[in-house]
Amino acid sequence: MTNSTALQKSDIVEFRVERQSAPPPAVSIKAREYFQEGMVRLQSGEAAEAVAALSQSIEHAPAFPEAHVFLGIAHALTSNIYPAIDHLEEAAKLAPDSFAAHYTLAQLNFTLRTPKPGYEAAQRALKCVQTLEQRKMLMQLLKEERALERNGIARPSFTKPFSTRMLVLAGSALAATIIFMMAHMR
């Protein structure tokens, strides 16, 4: 009876699973200062200024995964998609057990409507889950993506190469079009 009373009085029950990982890389004071400035800029909605500060942080500490994650987010907010993907992939490579890096990469890929790399990043994020809240976030992201896939238009996946027959047919059609245009230009 006293155990159930104790459980009712507690507000939060937390199930933490700690992973044994390598200690974070040594980051210079200057890199941390630029990182903090970038975070302040990002939180105040100044994404372009955050890109500048976080880029400086990475110049001083190229192996700083958190700076790469937030620089990727800042680039995404300024519509610089390719640098955003590059920095998120770099963060995932530098810290393979970082939930934030893999989750953010999955979220960006789903937003860009590239589901295959999104599901791959989500699978890696699932292996990095350490808290119940992280698991809930990931499951919600996957649920939303599946709903979009059910209700959306099927997009072609350009992973299958063209057959030789199709390439010859397309080349013949292109040659015929060029000959036709040159004949009518004279």
C-alpha atoms as a PDB file:
ATOM      1  CA  MET A   1       0.000   0.000   0.000  1.00  0.00           C
ATOM      2  CA  THR A   2       2.820   2.397   0.760  1.00  0.00           C
ATOM      3  CA  ASN A   3       4.500   1.603  -2.561  1.00  0.00           C
ATOM      4  CA  SER A   4       1.417   2.608  -4.555  1.00  0.00           C
ATOM      5  CA  THR A   5       1.123   5.805  -2.505  1.00  0.00           C
ATOM      6  CA  ALA A   6       4.740   6.667  -3.272  1.00  0.00           C
ATOM      7  CA  LEU A   7       4.185   6.110  -6.984  1.00  0.00           C
ATOM      8  CA  GLN A   8       1.106   8.307  -7.006  1.00  0.00           C
ATOM      9  CA  LYS A   9       2.964  11.164  -5.334  1.00  0.00           C
ATOM     10  CA  SER A  10       5.850  11.154  -7.782  1.00  0.00           C
ATOM     11  CA  ASP A  11       5.376  13.462 -10.734  1.00  0.00           C
ATOM     12  CA  ILE A  12       7.987  12.097 -13.088  1.00  0.00           C
ATOM     13  CA  VAL A  13       9.181   8.554 -13.582  1.00  0.00           C
ATOM     14  CA  GLU A  14      12.260   8.529 -15.752  1.00  0.00           C
ATOM     15  CA  PHE A  15      13.814   5.462 -17.353  1.00  0.00           C
ATOM     16  CA  ARG A  16      17.328   6.406 -18.329  1.00  0.00           C
ATOM     17  CA  VAL A  17      19.578   4.108 -20.256  1.00  0.00           C
ATOM     18  CA  GLU A  18      23.143   5.333 -20.282  1.00  0.00           C
ATOM     19  CA  ARG A  19      25.497   4.174 -23.000  1.00  0.00           C
ATOM     20  CA  GLN A  20      29.178   3.838 -22.507  1.00  0.00           C
ATOM     21  CA  SER A  21      30.807   6.023 -25.124  1.00  0.00           C
ATOM     22  CA  ALA A  22      34.046   7.818 -25.705  1.00  0.00           C
ATOM     23  CA  PRO A  23      34.446  11.143 -23.928  1.00  0.00           C
ATOM     24  CA  PRO A  24      33.608  14.211 -26.024  1.00  0.00           C
ATOM     25  CA  PRO A  25      36.513  15.615 -28.027  1.00  0.00           C
ATOM     26  CA  ALA A  26      38.500  18.444 -26.517  1.00  0.00           C
ATOM     27  CA  VAL A  27      37.087  21.698 -27.830  1.00  0.00           C
ATOM     28  CA  SER A  28      38.956  24.969 -27.615  1.00  0.00           C
ATOM     29  CA  ILE A  29      37.578  27.872 -25.617  1.00  0.00           C
ATOM     30  CA  LYS A  30      37.260  29.956 -28.777  1.00  0.00           C
ATOM     31  CA  ALA A  31      35.204  27.200 -30.470  1.00  0.00           C
ATOM     32  CA  ARG A  32      32.893  27.006 -27.431  1.00  0.00           C
ATOM     33  CA  GLU A  33      32.447  30.797 -27.413  1.00  0.00           C
ATOM     34  CA  TYR A  34      31.455  30.817 -31.089  1.00  0.00           C
ATOM     35  CA  PHE A  35      29.189  27.814 -30.446  1.00  0.00           C
ATOM     36  CA  GLN A  36      27.413  29.631 -27.603  1.00  0.00           C
ATOM     37  CA  GLU A  37      27.022  32.739 -29.761  1.00  0.00           C
ATOM     38  CA  GLY A  38      25.607  30.609 -32.571  1.00  0.00           C
ATOM     39  CA  MET A  39      23.134  28.975 -30.206  1.00  0.00           C
ATOM     40  CA  VAL A  40      21.954  32.373 -28.936  1.00  0.00           C
ATOM     41  CA  ARG A  41      21.529  33.590 -32.521  1.00  0.00           C
ATOM     42  CA  LEU A  42      19.697  30.416 -33.520  1.00  0.00           C
ATOM     43  CA  GLN A  43      17.327  30.650 -30.553  1.00  0.00           C
ATOM     44  CA  SER A  44      16.579  34.291 -31.318  1.00  0.00           C
ATOM     45  CA  GLY A  45      15.659  33.427 -34.912  1.00  0.00           C
ATOM     46  CA  GLU A  46      18.764  34.878 -36.558  1.00  0.00           C
ATOM     47  CA  ALA A  47      19.706  31.837 -38.641  1.00  0.00           C
ATOM     48  CA  ALA A  48      22.124  33.641 -40.985  1.00  0.00           C
ATOM     49  CA  GLU A  49      24.100  35.045 -38.045  1.00  0.00           C
ATOM     50  CA  ALA A  50      24.019  31.612 -36.415  1.00  0.00           C
ATOM     51  CA  VAL A  51      25.560  30.122 -39.567  1.00  0.00           C
ATOM     52  CA  ALA A  52      28.443  32.604 -39.326  1.00  0.00           C
ATOM     53  CA  ALA A  53      29.103  31.944 -35.634  1.00  0.00           C
ATOM     54  CA  LEU A  54      28.766  28.166 -35.872  1.00  0.00           C
ATOM     55  CA  SER A  55      31.032  28.118 -38.937  1.00  0.00           C
ATOM     56  CA  GLN A  56      33.671  29.900 -36.857  1.00  0.00           C
ATOM     57  CA  SER A  57      33.208  27.281 -34.139  1.00  0.00           C
ATOM     58  CA  ILE A  58      33.850  24.500 -36.644  1.00  0.00           C
ATOM     59  CA  GLU A  59      36.930  26.311 -37.966  1.00  0.00           C
ATOM     60  CA  HIS A  60      38.395  26.181 -34.457  1.00  0.00           C
ATOM     61  CA  ALA A  61      37.189  22.617 -33.749  1.00  0.00           C
ATOM     62  CA  PRO A  62      36.412  20.584 -36.886  1.00  0.00           C
ATOM     63  CA  ALA A  63      35.597  17.475 -34.820  1.00  0.00           C
ATOM     64  CA  PHE A  64      32.866  19.173 -32.726  1.00  0.00           C
ATOM     65  CA  PRO A  65      29.703  17.158 -33.564  1.00  0.00           C
ATOM     66  CA  GLU A  66      27.221  19.407 -31.741  1.00  0.00           C
ATOM     67  CA  ALA A  67      28.426  22.407 -33.745  1.00  0.00           C
ATOM     68  CA  HIS A  68      27.922  20.425 -36.956  1.00  0.00           C
ATOM     69  CA  VAL A  69      24.357  19.482 -35.913  1.00  0.00           C
ATOM     70  CA  PHE A  70      23.336  23.036 -35.147  1.00  0.00           C
ATOM     71  CA  LEU A  71      25.153  24.422 -38.185  1.00  0.00           C
ATOM     72  CA  GLY A  72      23.153  21.930 -40.256  1.00  0.00           C
ATOM     73  CA  ILE A  73      19.951  23.187 -38.654  1.00  0.00           C
ATOM     74  CA  ALA A  74      20.941  26.824 -39.260  1.00  0.00           C
ATOM     75  CA  HIS A  75      21.737  26.074 -42.907  1.00  0.00           C
ATOM     76  CA  ALA A  76      18.368  24.330 -43.302  1.00  0.00           C
ATOM     77  CA  LEU A  77      16.608  27.366 -41.851  1.00  0.00           C
ATOM     78  CA  THR A  78      18.369  29.605 -44.379  1.00  0.00           C
ATOM     79  CA  SER A  79      17.396  27.195 -47.208  1.00  0.00           C
ATOM     80  CA  ASN A  80      20.962  26.035 -47.842  1.00  0.00           C
ATOM     81  CA  ILE A  81      19.983  22.393 -48.085  1.00  0.00           C
ATOM     82  CA  TYR A  82      23.192  20.788 -49.369  1.00  0.00           C
ATOM     83  CA  PRO A  83      25.433  22.307 -46.677  1.00  0.00           C
ATOM     84  CA  ALA A  84      22.791  21.334 -44.099  1.00  0.00           C
ATOM     85  CA  ILE A  85      22.889  17.705 -45.203  1.00  0.00           C
ATOM     86  CA  ASP A  86      26.695  17.752 -45.326  1.00  0.00           C
ATOM     87  CA  HIS A  87      27.025  19.045 -41.765  1.00  0.00           C
ATOM     88  CA  LEU A  88      24.412  16.653 -40.381  1.00  0.00           C
ATOM     89  CA  GLU A  89      26.132  13.718 -42.082  1.00  0.00           C
ATOM     90  CA  GLU A  90      29.483  14.913 -40.706  1.00  0.00           C
ATOM     91  CA  ALA A  91      28.000  15.106 -37.203  1.00  0.00           C
ATOM     92  CA  ALA A  92      26.629  11.570 -37.563  1.00  0.00           C
ATOM     93  CA  LYS A  93      30.052  10.387 -38.707  1.00  0.00           C
ATOM     94  CA  LEU A  94      31.880  12.143 -35.856  1.00  0.00           C
ATOM     95  CA  ALA A  95      29.425  10.921 -33.208  1.00  0.00           C
ATOM     96  CA  PRO A  96      27.824   7.687 -34.438  1.00  0.00           C
ATOM     97  CA  ASP A  97      25.892   7.328 -31.169  1.00  0.00           C
ATOM     98  CA  SER A  98      24.366  10.826 -31.347  1.00  0.00           C
ATOM     99  CA  PHE A  99      20.580  10.640 -31.407  1.00  0.00           C
ATOM    100  CA  ALA A 100      20.335  14.343 -32.293  1.00  0.00           C
ATOM    101  CA  ALA A 101      22.495  14.012 -35.412  1.00  0.00           C
ATOM    102  CA  HIS A 102      20.641  11.004 -36.818  1.00  0.00           C
ATOM    103  CA  TYR A 103      17.169  12.268 -35.852  1.00  0.00           C
ATOM    104  CA  THR A 104      17.754  15.710 -37.383  1.00  0.00           C
ATOM    105  CA  LEU A 105      19.109  14.133 -40.566  1.00  0.00           C
ATOM    106  CA  ALA A 106      16.038  11.885 -40.785  1.00  0.00           C
ATOM    107  CA  GLN A 107      13.737  14.839 -40.182  1.00  0.00           C
ATOM    108  CA  LEU A 108      15.426  16.911 -42.902  1.00  0.00           C
ATOM    109  CA  ASN A 109      15.283  14.047 -45.410  1.00  0.00           C
ATOM    110  CA  PHE A 110      11.584  13.485 -44.712  1.00  0.00           C
ATOM    111  CA  THR A 111      10.930  17.212 -45.119  1.00  0.00           C
ATOM    112  CA  LEU A 112      12.743  17.133 -48.464  1.00  0.00           C
ATOM    113  CA  ARG A 113      10.602  14.121 -49.448  1.00  0.00           C
ATOM    114  CA  THR A 114      13.553  11.764 -49.780  1.00  0.00           C
ATOM    115  CA  PRO A 115      12.206   8.877 -47.710  1.00  0.00           C
ATOM    116  CA  LYS A 116      14.897   6.262 -48.303  1.00  0.00           C
ATOM    117  CA  PRO A 117      17.749   8.223 -46.677  1.00  0.00           C
ATOM    118  CA  GLY A 118      15.251   9.439 -44.084  1.00  0.00           C
ATOM    119  CA  TYR A 119      14.358   5.904 -43.020  1.00  0.00           C
ATOM    120  CA  GLU A 120      18.052   4.959 -42.956  1.00  0.00           C
ATOM    121  CA  ALA A 121      18.838   7.885 -40.635  1.00  0.00           C
ATOM    122  CA  ALA A 122      15.785   7.056 -38.497  1.00  0.00           C
ATOM    123  CA  GLN A 123      17.008   3.474 -38.155  1.00  0.00           C
ATOM    124  CA  ARG A 124      20.391   4.733 -36.947  1.00  0.00           C
ATOM    125  CA  ALA A 125      18.633   7.160 -34.563  1.00  0.00           C
ATOM    126  CA  LEU A 126      16.627   4.261 -33.118  1.00  0.00           C
ATOM    127  CA  LYS A 127      19.888   2.539 -32.158  1.00  0.00           C
ATOM    128  CA  CYS A 128      20.946   5.708 -30.285  1.00  0.00           C
ATOM    129  CA  VAL A 129      17.770   6.214 -28.242  1.00  0.00           C
ATOM    130  CA  GLN A 130      18.587   6.766 -24.574  1.00  0.00           C
ATOM    131  CA  THR A 131      15.337   8.136 -23.129  1.00  0.00           C
ATOM    132  CA  LEU A 132      11.655   7.477 -23.464  1.00  0.00           C
ATOM    133  CA  GLU A 133      11.164  11.016 -24.794  1.00  0.00           C
ATOM    134  CA  GLN A 134      13.621  10.404 -27.646  1.00  0.00           C
ATOM    135  CA  ARG A 135      11.768   7.212 -28.563  1.00  0.00           C
ATOM    136  CA  LYS A 136       8.453   9.104 -28.589  1.00  0.00           C
ATOM    137  CA  MET A 137       9.897  11.837 -30.832  1.00  0.00           C
ATOM    138  CA  LEU A 138      11.232   9.288 -33.302  1.00  0.00           C
ATOM    139  CA  MET A 139       8.019   7.264 -33.363  1.00  0.00           C
ATOM    140  CA  GLN A 140       5.996  10.456 -33.961  1.00  0.00           C
ATOM    141  CA  LEU A 141       8.278  11.422 -36.859  1.00  0.00           C
ATOM    142  CA  LEU A 142       7.919   7.970 -38.437  1.00  0.00           C
ATOM    143  CA  LYS A 143       4.149   8.004 -37.899  1.00  0.00           C
ATOM    144  CA  GLU A 144       3.849  11.370 -39.678  1.00  0.00           C
ATOM    145  CA  GLU A 145       6.030  10.173 -42.569  1.00  0.00           C
ATOM    146  CA  ARG A 146       3.965   7.021 -43.048  1.00  0.00           C
ATOM    147  CA  ALA A 147       0.774   9.107 -43.064  1.00  0.00           C
ATOM    148  CA  LEU A 148       2.262  11.345 -45.763  1.00  0.00           C
ATOM    149  CA  GLU A 149       3.209   8.302 -47.820  1.00  0.00           C
ATOM    150  CA  ARG A 150      -0.293   6.828 -47.543  1.00  0.00           C
ATOM    151  CA  ASN A 151      -2.012  10.078 -48.517  1.00  0.00           C
ATOM    152  CA  GLY A 152       0.524  11.433 -50.987  1.00  0.00           C
ATOM    153  CA  ILE A 153       1.434  10.849 -54.578  1.00  0.00           C
ATOM    154  CA  ALA A 154       3.904   8.067 -55.179  1.00  0.00           C
ATOM    155  CA  ARG A 155       7.263   9.504 -56.174  1.00  0.00           C
ATOM    156  CA  PRO A 156       9.588   7.602 -58.447  1.00  0.00           C
ATOM    157  CA  SER A 157      12.800   6.333 -57.026  1.00  0.00           C
ATOM    158  CA  PHE A 158      15.613   6.884 -59.487  1.00  0.00           C
ATOM    159  CA  THR A 159      17.764   4.116 -58.102  1.00  0.00           C
ATOM    160  CA  LYS A 160      17.116   1.692 -60.968  1.00  0.00           C
ATOM    161  CA  PRO A 161      19.384   2.402 -63.955  1.00  0.00           C
ATOM    162  CA  PHE A 162      17.946   2.741 -67.435  1.00  0.00           C
ATOM    163  CA  SER A 163      18.134  -0.338 -69.639  1.00  0.00           C
ATOM    164  CA  THR A 164      20.331  -0.375 -72.746  1.00  0.00           C
ATOM    165  CA  ARG A 165      17.225  -0.611 -74.922  1.00  0.00           C
ATOM    166  CA  MET A 166      15.766   2.573 -73.374  1.00  0.00           C
ATOM    167  CA  LEU A 167      19.052   4.457 -73.766  1.00  0.00           C
ATOM    168  CA  VAL A 168      19.282   3.496 -77.465  1.00  0.00           C
ATOM    169  CA  LEU A 169      15.650   4.521 -77.997  1.00  0.00           C
ATOM    170  CA  ALA A 170      16.178   7.880 -76.257  1.00  0.00           C
ATOM    171  CA  GLY A 171      19.409   8.506 -78.198  1.00  0.00           C
ATOM    172  CA  SER A 172      17.665   7.704 -81.494  1.00  0.00           C
ATOM    173  CA  ALA A 173      14.815  10.065 -80.667  1.00  0.00           C
ATOM    174  CA  LEU A 174      17.280  12.818 -79.780  1.00  0.00           C
ATOM    175  CA  ALA A 175      19.239  12.279 -83.021  1.00  0.00           C
ATOM    176  CA  ALA A 176      16.013  12.352 -85.072  1.00  0.00           C
ATOM    177  CA  THR A 177      14.965  15.609 -83.387  1.00  0.00           C
ATOM    178  CA  ILE A 178      18.326  17.250 -84.113  1.00  0.00           C
ATOM    179  CA  ILE A 179      18.233  16.139 -87.776  1.00  0.00           C
ATOM    180  CA  PHE A 180      14.661  17.388 -88.110  1.00  0.00           C
ATOM    181  CA  MET A 181      15.519  20.799 -86.635  1.00  0.00           C
ATOM    182  CA  MET A 182      18.616  21.204 -88.812  1.00  0.00           C
ATOM    183  CA  ALA A 183      16.654  20.309 -91.954  1.00  0.00           C
ATOM    184  CA  HIS A 184      13.994  22.948 -91.218  1.00  0.00           C
ATOM    185  CA  MET A 185      16.463  25.667 -90.301  1.00  0.00           C
ATOM    186  CA  ARG A 186      17.891  25.883 -93.836  1.00  0.00           C
END
